[in-house]
Amino acid sequence: MNPTKRSYRATFILDNRGKEDSIDQIIDGVKQDIAAVQGEVTAVENLGRREFVRVTDRKLTGGTYVQVAFSAPPSGPTALRERLRLNANVYRTFVQSA
């Protein structure tokens, strides 16, 4: 691992309602977004579909949760959030230092 990179763990809630893409295809797209911000994915864990405790959108009552461990430069999480904000398949993003 490069000493200028830091380790992060990100949790994504994926939304594939009305789309032909499978969850695996969406996860591959997220991996490409991580690579675009100079990150390296080290582990991916699909946590499965879960219902939301608080529903903010009546049409979306649950989503598929995915945790991704990756290393990236310190500016990586901010750039990743900005890229994924534009991705309609990713409903929520939470990135924390590992």
PDB file of N, CA and C in Angstrom:
ATOM      1  N   MET A   1       0.850  -1.182   0.000  1.00  0.00           N
ATOM      2  CA  MET A   1       0.000   0.000   0.000  1.00  0.00           C
ATOM      3  C   MET A   1       0.887   1.233   0.000  1.00  0.00           C
ATOM      4  N   ASN A   2       0.518   2.197  -0.747  1.00  0.00           N
ATOM      5  CA  ASN A   2       1.246   3.444  -0.866  1.00  0.00           C
ATOM      6  C   ASN A   2       1.113   4.242   0.435  1.00  0.00           C
ATOM      7  N   PRO A   3       2.208   4.799   0.999  1.00  0.00           N
ATOM      8  CA  PRO A   3       2.114   5.517   2.263  1.00  0.00           C
ATOM      9  C   PRO A   3       1.278   6.792   2.189  1.00  0.00           C
ATOM     10  N   THR A   4       1.038   7.316   0.995  1.00  0.00           N
ATOM     11  CA  THR A   4       0.222   8.520   0.889  1.00  0.00           C
ATOM     12  C   THR A   4      -1.269   8.199   0.816  1.00  0.00           C
ATOM     13  N   LYS A   5      -1.602   6.931   0.794  1.00  0.00           N
ATOM     14  CA  LYS A   5      -3.010   6.538   0.762  1.00  0.00           C
ATOM     15  C   LYS A   5      -3.471   6.129   2.150  1.00  0.00           C
ATOM     16  N   ARG A   6      -4.754   6.326   2.402  1.00  0.00           N
ATOM     17  CA  ARG A   6      -5.355   5.944   3.670  1.00  0.00           C
ATOM     18  C   ARG A   6      -6.416   4.880   3.423  1.00  0.00           C
ATOM     19  N   SER A   7      -6.717   4.133   4.463  1.00  0.00           N
ATOM     20  CA  SER A   7      -7.736   3.078   4.352  1.00  0.00           C
ATOM     21  C   SER A   7      -9.095   3.645   4.750  1.00  0.00           C
ATOM     22  N   TYR A   8     -10.111   3.251   4.003  1.00  0.00           N
ATOM     23  CA  TYR A   8     -11.473   3.699   4.259  1.00  0.00           C
ATOM     24  C   TYR A   8     -12.422   2.516   4.154  1.00  0.00           C
ATOM     25  N   ARG A   9     -13.570   2.660   4.797  1.00  0.00           N
ATOM     26  CA  ARG A   9     -14.659   1.697   4.651  1.00  0.00           C
ATOM     27  C   ARG A   9     -15.906   2.496   4.304  1.00  0.00           C
ATOM     28  N   ALA A  10     -16.527   2.140   3.210  1.00  0.00           N
ATOM     29  CA  ALA A  10     -17.711   2.852   2.746  1.00  0.00           C
ATOM     30  C   ALA A  10     -18.911   1.922   2.763  1.00  0.00           C
ATOM     31  N   THR A  11     -20.039   2.453   3.158  1.00  0.00           N
ATOM     32  CA  THR A  11     -21.298   1.721   3.116  1.00  0.00           C
ATOM     33  C   THR A  11     -22.204   2.429   2.116  1.00  0.00           C
ATOM     34  N   PHE A  12     -22.732   1.661   1.189  1.00  0.00           N
ATOM     35  CA  PHE A  12     -23.609   2.201   0.159  1.00  0.00           C
ATOM     36  C   PHE A  12     -24.972   1.549   0.269  1.00  0.00           C
ATOM     37  N   ILE A  13     -26.015   2.331   0.030  1.00  0.00           N
ATOM     38  CA  ILE A  13     -27.361   1.789  -0.121  1.00  0.00           C
ATOM     39  C   ILE A  13     -27.689   1.916  -1.601  1.00  0.00           C
ATOM     40  N   LEU A  14     -27.932   0.786  -2.238  1.00  0.00           N
ATOM     41  CA  LEU A  14     -28.168   0.761  -3.674  1.00  0.00           C
ATOM     42  C   LEU A  14     -29.654   0.698  -3.979  1.00  0.00           C
ATOM     43  N   ASP A  15     -30.037   1.351  -5.069  1.00  0.00           N
ATOM     44  CA  ASP A  15     -31.426   1.402  -5.502  1.00  0.00           C
ATOM     45  C   ASP A  15     -31.481   0.949  -6.957  1.00  0.00           C
ATOM     46  N   ASN A  16     -32.060  -0.223  -7.194  1.00  0.00           N
ATOM     47  CA  ASN A  16     -32.164  -0.706  -8.575  1.00  0.00           C
ATOM     48  C   ASN A  16     -33.618  -0.845  -9.015  1.00  0.00           C
ATOM     49  N   ARG A  17     -34.490  -0.044  -8.450  1.00  0.00           N
ATOM     50  CA  ARG A  17     -35.900  -0.081  -8.848  1.00  0.00           C
ATOM     51  C   ARG A  17     -36.052   0.336 -10.308  1.00  0.00           C
ATOM     52  N   GLY A  18     -36.728  -0.471 -11.082  1.00  0.00           N
ATOM     53  CA  GLY A  18     -37.031  -0.131 -12.464  1.00  0.00           C
ATOM     54  C   GLY A  18     -35.824  -0.111 -13.388  1.00  0.00           C
ATOM     55  N   LYS A  19     -34.738  -0.705 -12.977  1.00  0.00           N
ATOM     56  CA  LYS A  19     -33.535  -0.711 -13.797  1.00  0.00           C
ATOM     57  C   LYS A  19     -33.177  -2.146 -14.153  1.00  0.00           C
ATOM     58  N   GLU A  20     -32.556  -2.313 -15.293  1.00  0.00           N
ATOM     59  CA  GLU A  20     -32.180  -3.643 -15.744  1.00  0.00           C
ATOM     60  C   GLU A  20     -30.873  -4.111 -15.121  1.00  0.00           C
ATOM     61  N   ASP A  21     -30.104  -3.188 -14.533  1.00  0.00           N
ATOM     62  CA  ASP A  21     -28.820  -3.546 -13.928  1.00  0.00           C
ATOM     63  C   ASP A  21     -29.033  -4.395 -12.679  1.00  0.00           C
ATOM     64  N   SER A  22     -28.232  -5.445 -12.543  1.00  0.00           N
ATOM     65  CA  SER A  22     -28.276  -6.248 -11.330  1.00  0.00           C
ATOM     66  C   SER A  22     -27.419  -5.569 -10.271  1.00  0.00           C
ATOM     67  N   ILE A  23     -27.519  -6.037  -9.045  1.00  0.00           N
ATOM     68  CA  ILE A  23     -26.745  -5.470  -7.945  1.00  0.00           C
ATOM     69  C   ILE A  23     -25.249  -5.626  -8.221  1.00  0.00           C
ATOM     70  N   ASP A  24     -24.838  -6.764  -8.779  1.00  0.00           N
ATOM     71  CA  ASP A  24     -23.425  -6.981  -9.083  1.00  0.00           C
ATOM     72  C   ASP A  24     -22.915  -5.977 -10.118  1.00  0.00           C
ATOM     73  N   GLN A  25     -23.738  -5.634 -11.097  1.00  0.00           N
ATOM     74  CA  GLN A  25     -23.341  -4.645 -12.091  1.00  0.00           C
ATOM     75  C   GLN A  25     -23.211  -3.261 -11.466  1.00  0.00           C
ATOM     76  N   ILE A  26     -24.106  -2.938 -10.535  1.00  0.00           N
ATOM     77  CA  ILE A  26     -24.042  -1.644  -9.852  1.00  0.00           C
ATOM     78  C   ILE A  26     -22.789  -1.581  -8.983  1.00  0.00           C
ATOM     79  N   ILE A  27     -22.468  -2.696  -8.296  1.00  0.00           N
ATOM     80  CA  ILE A  27     -21.261  -2.745  -7.460  1.00  0.00           C
ATOM     81  C   ILE A  27     -20.020  -2.563  -8.332  1.00  0.00           C
ATOM     82  N   ASP A  28     -20.001  -3.175  -9.519  1.00  0.00           N
ATOM     83  CA  ASP A  28     -18.869  -2.978 -10.428  1.00  0.00           C
ATOM     84  C   ASP A  28     -18.740  -1.513 -10.839  1.00  0.00           C
ATOM     85  N   GLY A  29     -19.866  -0.838 -11.032  1.00  0.00           N
ATOM     86  CA  GLY A  29     -19.842   0.589 -11.358  1.00  0.00           C
ATOM     87  C   GLY A  29     -19.287   1.422 -10.213  1.00  0.00           C
ATOM     88  N   VAL A  30     -19.627   1.048  -8.975  1.00  0.00           N
ATOM     89  CA  VAL A  30     -19.097   1.754  -7.802  1.00  0.00           C
ATOM     90  C   VAL A  30     -17.589   1.523  -7.703  1.00  0.00           C
ATOM     91  N   LYS A  31     -17.143   0.300  -7.995  1.00  0.00           N
ATOM     92  CA  LYS A  31     -15.705   0.011  -7.989  1.00  0.00           C
ATOM     93  C   LYS A  31     -14.977   0.874  -9.020  1.00  0.00           C
ATOM     94  N   GLN A  32     -15.588   1.072 -10.178  1.00  0.00           N
ATOM     95  CA  GLN A  32     -14.983   1.920 -11.204  1.00  0.00           C
ATOM     96  C   GLN A  32     -14.912   3.369 -10.734  1.00  0.00           C
ATOM     97  N   ASP A  33     -15.934   3.830 -10.006  1.00  0.00           N
ATOM     98  CA  ASP A  33     -15.908   5.188  -9.458  1.00  0.00           C
ATOM     99  C   ASP A  33     -14.800   5.336  -8.421  1.00  0.00           C
ATOM    100  N   ILE A  34     -14.581   4.305  -7.615  1.00  0.00           N
ATOM    101  CA  ILE A  34     -13.496   4.343  -6.632  1.00  0.00           C
ATOM    102  C   ILE A  34     -12.151   4.390  -7.351  1.00  0.00           C
ATOM    103  N   ALA A  35     -12.004   3.603  -8.407  1.00  0.00           N
ATOM    104  CA  ALA A  35     -10.757   3.614  -9.180  1.00  0.00           C
ATOM    105  C   ALA A  35     -10.548   4.972  -9.852  1.00  0.00           C
ATOM    106  N   ALA A  36     -11.627   5.648 -10.223  1.00  0.00           N
ATOM    107  CA  ALA A  36     -11.516   6.952 -10.884  1.00  0.00           C
ATOM    108  C   ALA A  36     -10.983   8.032  -9.942  1.00  0.00           C
ATOM    109  N   VAL A  37     -11.146   7.835  -8.629  1.00  0.00           N
ATOM    110  CA  VAL A  37     -10.605   8.802  -7.657  1.00  0.00           C
ATOM    111  C   VAL A  37      -9.287   8.289  -7.077  1.00  0.00           C
ATOM    112  N   GLN A  38      -8.598   7.444  -7.841  1.00  0.00           N
ATOM    113  CA  GLN A  38      -7.294   6.877  -7.504  1.00  0.00           C
ATOM    114  C   GLN A  38      -7.348   5.970  -6.279  1.00  0.00           C
ATOM    115  N   GLY A  39      -8.458   5.266  -6.119  1.00  0.00           N
ATOM    116  CA  GLY A  39      -8.603   4.330  -5.010  1.00  0.00           C
ATOM    117  C   GLY A  39      -8.402   2.897  -5.460  1.00  0.00           C
ATOM    118  N   GLU A  40      -8.106   2.035  -4.496  1.00  0.00           N
ATOM    119  CA  GLU A  40      -7.932   0.608  -4.753  1.00  0.00           C
ATOM    120  C   GLU A  40      -8.865  -0.162  -3.831  1.00  0.00           C
ATOM    121  N   VAL A  41      -9.777  -0.931  -4.409  1.00  0.00           N
ATOM    122  CA  VAL A  41     -10.728  -1.718  -3.622  1.00  0.00           C
ATOM    123  C   VAL A  41     -10.016  -2.935  -3.066  1.00  0.00           C
ATOM    124  N   THR A  42     -10.172  -3.166  -1.744  1.00  0.00           N
ATOM    125  CA  THR A  42      -9.538  -4.323  -1.118  1.00  0.00           C
ATOM    126  C   THR A  42     -10.552  -5.399  -0.743  1.00  0.00           C
ATOM    127  N   ALA A  43     -11.799  -5.014  -0.458  1.00  0.00           N
ATOM    128  CA  ALA A  43     -12.817  -6.006  -0.090  1.00  0.00           C
ATOM    129  C   ALA A  43     -14.205  -5.443  -0.371  1.00  0.00           C
ATOM    130  N   VAL A  44     -15.117  -6.343  -0.753  1.00  0.00           N
ATOM    131  CA  VAL A  44     -16.513  -5.977  -0.997  1.00  0.00           C
ATOM    132  C   VAL A  44     -17.389  -6.987  -0.269  1.00  0.00           C
ATOM    133  N   GLU A  45     -18.366  -6.478   0.484  1.00  0.00           N
ATOM    134  CA  GLU A  45     -19.286  -7.363   1.194  1.00  0.00           C
ATOM    135  C   GLU A  45     -20.714  -6.905   0.928  1.00  0.00           C
ATOM    136  N   ASN A  46     -21.493  -7.774   0.304  1.00  0.00           N
ATOM    137  CA  ASN A  46     -22.898  -7.490   0.051  1.00  0.00           C
ATOM    138  C   ASN A  46     -23.679  -7.919   1.287  1.00  0.00           C
ATOM    139  N   LEU A  47     -24.286  -6.961   1.975  1.00  0.00           N
ATOM    140  CA  LEU A  47     -25.016  -7.239   3.211  1.00  0.00           C
ATOM    141  C   LEU A  47     -26.472  -7.611   2.954  1.00  0.00           C
ATOM    142  N   GLY A  48     -26.902  -7.530   1.720  1.00  0.00           N
ATOM    143  CA  GLY A  48     -28.268  -7.923   1.369  1.00  0.00           C
ATOM    144  C   GLY A  48     -29.263  -6.780   1.485  1.00  0.00           C
ATOM    145  N   ARG A  49     -30.497  -7.114   1.161  1.00  0.00           N
ATOM    146  CA  ARG A  49     -31.563  -6.103   1.186  1.00  0.00           C
ATOM    147  C   ARG A  49     -32.108  -5.966   2.604  1.00  0.00           C
ATOM    148  N   ARG A  50     -32.296  -4.720   3.009  1.00  0.00           N
ATOM    149  CA  ARG A  50     -32.850  -4.423   4.331  1.00  0.00           C
ATOM    150  C   ARG A  50     -33.895  -3.328   4.208  1.00  0.00           C
ATOM    151  N   GLU A  51     -34.871  -3.401   5.055  1.00  0.00           N
ATOM    152  CA  GLU A  51     -35.903  -2.371   5.102  1.00  0.00           C
ATOM    153  C   GLU A  51     -35.405  -1.203   5.947  1.00  0.00           C
ATOM    154  N   PHE A  52     -35.800   0.017   5.572  1.00  0.00           N
ATOM    155  CA  PHE A  52     -35.402   1.202   6.315  1.00  0.00           C
ATOM    156  C   PHE A  52     -36.221   1.337   7.594  1.00  0.00           C
ATOM    157  N   VAL A  53     -35.595   1.828   8.648  1.00  0.00           N
ATOM    158  CA  VAL A  53     -36.307   2.091   9.896  1.00  0.00           C
ATOM    159  C   VAL A  53     -37.184   3.327   9.718  1.00  0.00           C
ATOM    160  N   ARG A  54     -36.605   4.362   9.098  1.00  0.00           N
ATOM    161  CA  ARG A  54     -37.356   5.580   8.795  1.00  0.00           C
ATOM    162  C   ARG A  54     -37.434   5.721   7.284  1.00  0.00           C
ATOM    163  N   VAL A  55     -38.623   5.699   6.773  1.00  0.00           N
ATOM    164  CA  VAL A  55     -38.841   5.775   5.335  1.00  0.00           C
ATOM    165  C   VAL A  55     -39.011   7.237   4.949  1.00  0.00           C
ATOM    166  N   THR A  56     -38.122   7.735   4.084  1.00  0.00           N
ATOM    167  CA  THR A  56     -38.229   9.115   3.620  1.00  0.00           C
ATOM    168  C   THR A  56     -38.975   9.206   2.298  1.00  0.00           C
ATOM    169  N   ASP A  57     -39.034   8.105   1.576  1.00  0.00           N
ATOM    170  CA  ASP A  57     -39.721   8.050   0.287  1.00  0.00           C
ATOM    171  C   ASP A  57     -40.632   6.830   0.308  1.00  0.00           C
ATOM    172  N   ARG A  58     -41.915   7.029   0.195  1.00  0.00           N
ATOM    173  CA  ARG A  58     -42.855   5.906   0.284  1.00  0.00           C
ATOM    174  C   ARG A  58     -42.657   4.876  -0.820  1.00  0.00           C
ATOM    175  N   LYS A  59     -42.073   5.307  -1.925  1.00  0.00           N
ATOM    176  CA  LYS A  59     -41.828   4.384  -3.027  1.00  0.00           C
ATOM    177  C   LYS A  59     -40.583   3.543  -2.802  1.00  0.00           C
ATOM    178  N   LEU A  60     -39.714   3.966  -1.871  1.00  0.00           N
ATOM    179  CA  LEU A  60     -38.482   3.240  -1.571  1.00  0.00           C
ATOM    180  C   LEU A  60     -38.462   2.948  -0.070  1.00  0.00           C
ATOM    181  N   THR A  61     -38.845   1.724   0.285  1.00  0.00           N
ATOM    182  CA  THR A  61     -38.932   1.356   1.700  1.00  0.00           C
ATOM    183  C   THR A  61     -37.724   0.564   2.178  1.00  0.00           C
ATOM    184  N   GLY A  62     -36.825   0.219   1.268  1.00  0.00           N
ATOM    185  CA  GLY A  62     -35.633  -0.539   1.632  1.00  0.00           C
ATOM    186  C   GLY A  62     -34.636  -0.509   0.496  1.00  0.00           C
ATOM    187  N   GLY A  63     -33.437  -0.989   0.787  1.00  0.00           N
ATOM    188  CA  GLY A  63     -32.397  -1.001  -0.229  1.00  0.00           C
ATOM    189  C   GLY A  63     -31.376  -2.076   0.058  1.00  0.00           C
ATOM    190  N   THR A  64     -30.484  -2.297  -0.895  1.00  0.00           N
ATOM    191  CA  THR A  64     -29.416  -3.270  -0.742  1.00  0.00           C
ATOM    192  C   THR A  64     -28.193  -2.560  -0.175  1.00  0.00           C
ATOM    193  N   TYR A  65     -27.691  -3.080   0.937  1.00  0.00           N
ATOM    194  CA  TYR A  65     -26.533  -2.499   1.608  1.00  0.00           C
ATOM    195  C   TYR A  65     -25.266  -3.217   1.159  1.00  0.00           C
ATOM    196  N   VAL A  66     -24.230  -2.432   0.859  1.00  0.00           N
ATOM    197  CA  VAL A  66     -22.945  -2.979   0.428  1.00  0.00           C
ATOM    198  C   VAL A  66     -21.843  -2.224   1.162  1.00  0.00           C
ATOM    199  N   GLN A  67     -20.884  -2.969   1.726  1.00  0.00           N
ATOM    200  CA  GLN A  67     -19.721  -2.353   2.354  1.00  0.00           C
ATOM    201  C   GLN A  67     -18.501  -2.621   1.482  1.00  0.00           C
ATOM    202  N   VAL A  68     -17.715  -1.567   1.251  1.00  0.00           N
ATOM    203  CA  VAL A  68     -16.526  -1.665   0.427  1.00  0.00           C
ATOM    204  C   VAL A  68     -15.346  -1.098   1.214  1.00  0.00           C
ATOM    205  N   ALA A  69     -14.294  -1.894   1.337  1.00  0.00           N
ATOM    206  CA  ALA A  69     -13.050  -1.420   1.945  1.00  0.00           C
ATOM    207  C   ALA A  69     -12.119  -1.015   0.811  1.00  0.00           C
ATOM    208  N   PHE A  70     -11.521   0.164   0.939  1.00  0.00           N
ATOM    209  CA  PHE A  70     -10.626   0.636  -0.107  1.00  0.00           C
ATOM    210  C   PHE A  70      -9.581   1.572   0.470  1.00  0.00           C
ATOM    211  N   SER A  71      -8.529   1.782  -0.299  1.00  0.00           N
ATOM    212  CA  SER A  71      -7.510   2.755   0.074  1.00  0.00           C
ATOM    213  C   SER A  71      -7.495   3.833  -0.999  1.00  0.00           C
ATOM    214  N   ALA A  72      -7.292   5.077  -0.560  1.00  0.00           N
ATOM    215  CA  ALA A  72      -7.316   6.208  -1.481  1.00  0.00           C
ATOM    216  C   ALA A  72      -6.551   7.372  -0.865  1.00  0.00           C
ATOM    217  N   PRO A  73      -6.206   8.361  -1.681  1.00  0.00           N
ATOM    218  CA  PRO A  73      -5.576   9.563  -1.130  1.00  0.00           C
ATOM    219  C   PRO A  73      -6.555  10.284  -0.186  1.00  0.00           C
ATOM    220  N   PRO A  74      -6.076  11.181   0.644  1.00  0.00           N
ATOM    221  CA  PRO A  74      -6.967  11.889   1.575  1.00  0.00           C
ATOM    222  C   PRO A  74      -8.126  12.626   0.905  1.00  0.00           C
ATOM    223  N   SER A  75      -7.968  13.042  -0.339  1.00  0.00           N
ATOM    224  CA  SER A  75      -9.055  13.729  -1.049  1.00  0.00           C
ATOM    225  C   SER A  75     -10.037  12.756  -1.690  1.00  0.00           C
ATOM    226  N   GLY A  76      -9.764  11.454  -1.613  1.00  0.00           N
ATOM    227  CA  GLY A  76     -10.586  10.438  -2.267  1.00  0.00           C
ATOM    228  C   GLY A  76     -12.032  10.372  -1.810  1.00  0.00           C
ATOM    229  N   PRO A  77     -12.314  10.343  -0.485  1.00  0.00           N
ATOM    230  CA  PRO A  77     -13.707  10.240  -0.057  1.00  0.00           C
ATOM    231  C   PRO A  77     -14.593  11.400  -0.523  1.00  0.00           C
ATOM    232  N   THR A  78     -14.053  12.609  -0.502  1.00  0.00           N
ATOM    233  CA  THR A  78     -14.833  13.759  -0.956  1.00  0.00           C
ATOM    234  C   THR A  78     -15.130  13.658  -2.447  1.00  0.00           C
ATOM    235  N   ALA A  79     -14.126  13.297  -3.224  1.00  0.00           N
ATOM    236  CA  ALA A  79     -14.319  13.150  -4.667  1.00  0.00           C
ATOM    237  C   ALA A  79     -15.273  11.998  -4.970  1.00  0.00           C
ATOM    238  N   LEU A  80     -15.188  10.922  -4.188  1.00  0.00           N
ATOM    239  CA  LEU A  80     -16.073   9.772  -4.395  1.00  0.00           C
ATOM    240  C   LEU A  80     -17.526  10.146  -4.098  1.00  0.00           C
ATOM    241  N   ARG A  81     -17.759  10.842  -2.986  1.00  0.00           N
ATOM    242  CA  ARG A  81     -19.127  11.271  -2.664  1.00  0.00           C
ATOM    243  C   ARG A  81     -19.709  12.141  -3.777  1.00  0.00           C
ATOM    244  N   GLU A  82     -18.884  13.022  -4.329  1.00  0.00           N
ATOM    245  CA  GLU A  82     -19.352  13.903  -5.399  1.00  0.00           C
ATOM    246  C   GLU A  82     -19.687  13.103  -6.653  1.00  0.00           C
ATOM    247  N   ARG A  83     -18.871  12.118  -6.995  1.00  0.00           N
ATOM    248  CA  ARG A  83     -19.156  11.279  -8.172  1.00  0.00           C
ATOM    249  C   ARG A  83     -20.434  10.465  -7.966  1.00  0.00           C
ATOM    250  N   LEU A  84     -20.600   9.892  -6.764  1.00  0.00           N
ATOM    251  CA  LEU A  84     -21.748   9.029  -6.509  1.00  0.00           C
ATOM    252  C   LEU A  84     -23.040   9.815  -6.293  1.00  0.00           C
ATOM    253  N   ARG A  85     -22.914  11.095  -5.985  1.00  0.00           N
ATOM    254  CA  ARG A  85     -24.099  11.937  -5.849  1.00  0.00           C
ATOM    255  C   ARG A  85     -24.849  12.004  -7.179  1.00  0.00           C
ATOM    256  N   LEU A  86     -24.117  11.905  -8.261  1.00  0.00           N
ATOM    257  CA  LEU A  86     -24.703  11.962  -9.595  1.00  0.00           C
ATOM    258  C   LEU A  86     -25.176  10.603 -10.098  1.00  0.00           C
ATOM    259  N   ASN A  87     -24.862   9.528  -9.375  1.00  0.00           N
ATOM    260  CA  ASN A  87     -25.223   8.170  -9.766  1.00  0.00           C
ATOM    261  C   ASN A  87     -26.598   7.834  -9.188  1.00  0.00           C
ATOM    262  N   ALA A  88     -27.573   7.598 -10.054  1.00  0.00           N
ATOM    263  CA  ALA A  88     -28.946   7.324  -9.602  1.00  0.00           C
ATOM    264  C   ALA A  88     -29.083   5.958  -8.940  1.00  0.00           C
ATOM    265  N   ASN A  89     -28.125   5.062  -9.154  1.00  0.00           N
ATOM    266  CA  ASN A  89     -28.197   3.732  -8.555  1.00  0.00           C
ATOM    267  C   ASN A  89     -27.762   3.705  -7.099  1.00  0.00           C
ATOM    268  N   VAL A  90     -27.067   4.732  -6.644  1.00  0.00           N
ATOM    269  CA  VAL A  90     -26.592   4.797  -5.265  1.00  0.00           C
ATOM    270  C   VAL A  90     -27.498   5.769  -4.510  1.00  0.00           C
ATOM    271  N   TYR A  91     -28.251   5.224  -3.555  1.00  0.00           N
ATOM    272  CA  TYR A  91     -29.215   6.031  -2.807  1.00  0.00           C
ATOM    273  C   TYR A  91     -28.525   6.824  -1.702  1.00  0.00           C
ATOM    274  N   ARG A  92     -27.652   6.183  -0.928  1.00  0.00           N
ATOM    275  CA  ARG A  92     -26.938   6.847   0.167  1.00  0.00           C
ATOM    276  C   ARG A  92     -25.494   6.347   0.188  1.00  0.00           C
ATOM    277  N   THR A  93     -24.598   7.207   0.696  1.00  0.00           N
ATOM    278  CA  THR A  93     -23.185   6.880   0.814  1.00  0.00           C
ATOM    279  C   THR A  93     -22.684   7.316   2.180  1.00  0.00           C
ATOM    280  N   PHE A  94     -21.949   6.436   2.853  1.00  0.00           N
ATOM    281  CA  PHE A  94     -21.325   6.763   4.127  1.00  0.00           C
ATOM    282  C   PHE A  94     -19.882   6.266   4.075  1.00  0.00           C
ATOM    283  N   VAL A  95     -18.916   7.171   4.183  1.00  0.00           N
ATOM    284  CA  VAL A  95     -17.498   6.810   4.116  1.00  0.00           C
ATOM    285  C   VAL A  95     -16.848   7.166   5.455  1.00  0.00           C
ATOM    286  N   GLN A  96     -16.092   6.209   5.996  1.00  0.00           N
ATOM    287  CA  GLN A  96     -15.379   6.457   7.250  1.00  0.00           C
ATOM    288  C   GLN A  96     -13.968   5.921   7.156  1.00  0.00           C
ATOM    289  N   SER A  97     -13.072   6.468   7.971  1.00  0.00           N
ATOM    290  CA  SER A  97     -11.698   5.985   8.007  1.00  0.00           C
ATOM    291  C   SER A  97     -11.650   4.624   8.677  1.00  0.00           C
ATOM    292  N   ALA A  98     -10.833   3.748   8.139  1.00  0.00           N
ATOM    293  CA  ALA A  98     -10.728   2.401   8.712  1.00  0.00           C
ATOM    294  C   ALA A  98      -9.574   2.316   9.673  1.00  0.00           C
TER     295      ALA A  98
END
